[in-house]
Amino acid sequence: MFEWAKEVEERGAGELLFTSMNHDGTKGGFANKALAKLSTLVNIPVIASGGAGSISHFTDTFTDGKADAALAASIFHFKEIEIKDLKQQLQKEGIPVRL
C-alpha cells in the first residue's frame, strides 16, 4: 500500500484519502500508526478517514497520525459530536481549523 501511495504521488496526485477498513465504523479512533507512516513517506496532504468516535480521536490523528485533515460522517449526522465543539477543541489544542 505504501509503495502505491508514493507512486500515485509521483503520477501527480494532489492528496491522499486514507480510509482504514479495519477502523471504519468502529468509532475506536483512526489508524494513526499507518497514517503517520504514510504522512512521512509522501509530500502531499493525507486525509484520515474511518474510525472517528470522539473529539480526542481527531486530536490524536493530527498529532500522532500526522494527518493534514480528517473526516467523519455518522458522528456528525447523528449529532454525537457537534462540529462547532470539535473545532473549538482543536483550536484550544493549537490545531489549525477553518472557521
Protein backbone atom coordinates (compact mmCIF):
# COMPACT_ATOMS: atom_id res chain seq x y z
CA MET A 1 0.00 0.00 0.00
CA PHE A 2 2.73 2.50 0.91
CA GLU A 3 4.57 1.88 -2.35
CA TRP A 4 1.36 2.61 -4.26
CA ALA A 5 0.90 5.86 -2.34
CA LYS A 6 4.36 7.01 -3.37
CA GLU A 7 3.65 6.02 -6.97
CA VAL A 8 0.36 7.94 -7.17
CA GLU A 9 2.13 10.98 -5.73
CA GLU A 10 4.76 10.68 -8.46
CA ARG A 11 1.96 10.40 -11.04
CA GLY A 12 0.54 13.72 -9.89
CA ALA A 13 -1.93 13.05 -7.07
CA GLY A 14 -2.52 16.19 -5.05
CA GLU A 15 -3.64 14.48 -1.83
CA LEU A 16 -4.41 11.05 -0.43
CA LEU A 17 -7.58 9.94 1.31
CA PHE A 18 -6.62 7.13 3.68
CA THR A 19 -9.51 5.01 4.92
CA SER A 20 -8.71 2.11 7.21
CA MET A 21 -11.34 -0.55 6.61
CA ASN A 22 -10.35 -2.10 9.96
CA HIS A 23 -11.23 1.13 11.75
CA ASP A 24 -14.12 2.40 9.64
CA GLY A 25 -17.40 2.35 11.54
CA THR A 26 -15.82 1.25 14.81
CA LYS A 27 -15.71 4.69 16.45
CA GLY A 28 -12.49 3.48 18.09
CA GLY A 29 -10.15 6.01 16.50
CA PHE A 30 -8.24 6.49 13.28
CA ALA A 31 -5.39 4.20 12.14
CA ASN A 32 -2.76 6.60 13.45
CA LYS A 33 0.32 4.37 13.14
CA ALA A 34 -0.36 3.74 9.45
CA LEU A 35 -1.29 7.39 8.90
CA ALA A 36 1.97 8.57 10.48
CA LYS A 37 3.97 6.22 8.29
CA LEU A 38 2.13 7.35 5.17
CA SER A 39 2.43 11.03 6.08
CA THR A 40 6.20 10.77 6.41
CA LEU A 41 6.51 8.83 3.14
CA VAL A 42 4.70 11.28 0.85
CA ASN A 43 4.96 15.02 0.36
CA ILE A 44 1.26 15.65 -0.29
CA PRO A 45 -1.59 16.10 2.20
CA VAL A 46 -3.01 12.97 3.81
CA ILE A 47 -6.66 12.89 4.89
CA ALA A 48 -7.64 10.49 7.68
CA SER A 49 -10.91 8.59 7.33
CA GLY A 50 -12.50 5.75 9.24
CA GLY A 51 -12.82 5.31 12.97
CA ALA A 52 -13.77 8.67 14.47
CA GLY A 53 -15.90 8.36 17.58
CA SER A 54 -14.78 11.21 19.83
CA ILE A 55 -13.17 14.61 19.70
CA SER A 56 -9.95 13.14 21.08
CA HIS A 57 -9.74 10.84 18.06
CA PHE A 58 -9.39 13.91 15.85
CA THR A 59 -6.76 15.45 18.11
CA ASP A 60 -4.85 12.17 18.09
CA THR A 61 -4.92 11.82 14.32
CA PHE A 62 -3.49 15.31 13.83
CA THR A 63 -0.77 14.86 16.45
CA ASP A 64 0.07 11.14 16.48
CA GLY A 65 -1.17 10.26 12.98
CA LYS A 66 0.31 13.39 11.38
CA ALA A 67 -2.82 13.75 9.22
CA ASP A 68 -3.35 17.02 7.38
CA ALA A 69 -7.13 16.66 7.50
CA ALA A 70 -9.70 14.24 8.89
CA LEU A 71 -13.25 13.33 8.04
CA ALA A 72 -16.16 11.57 9.62
CA ALA A 73 -19.82 11.06 8.84
CA SER A 74 -22.12 9.28 11.25
CA ILE A 75 -20.92 11.06 14.39
CA PHE A 76 -21.98 14.34 12.80
CA HIS A 77 -25.17 13.04 11.16
CA PHE A 78 -26.40 11.62 14.44
CA LYS A 79 -25.20 14.66 16.42
CA GLU A 80 -22.87 12.61 18.61
CA ILE A 81 -20.35 15.41 18.15
CA GLU A 82 -21.18 18.96 17.13
CA ILE A 83 -18.81 20.35 14.51
CA LYS A 84 -18.52 23.66 16.41
CA ASP A 85 -17.45 21.77 19.55
CA LEU A 86 -14.84 19.82 17.61
CA LYS A 87 -13.44 22.98 16.02
CA GLN A 88 -13.29 24.77 19.38
CA GLN A 89 -11.38 21.91 21.00
CA LEU A 90 -8.93 21.61 18.11
CA GLN A 91 -8.28 25.35 18.31
CA LYS A 92 -7.66 25.08 22.06
CA GLU A 93 -5.06 22.42 21.34
CA GLY A 94 -3.32 24.56 18.74
CA ILE A 95 -4.51 22.59 15.74
CA PRO A 96 -5.47 24.91 12.85
CA VAL A 97 -9.09 24.73 11.69
CA ARG A 98 -11.24 26.61 9.20
CA LEU A 99 -13.86 28.70 10.88
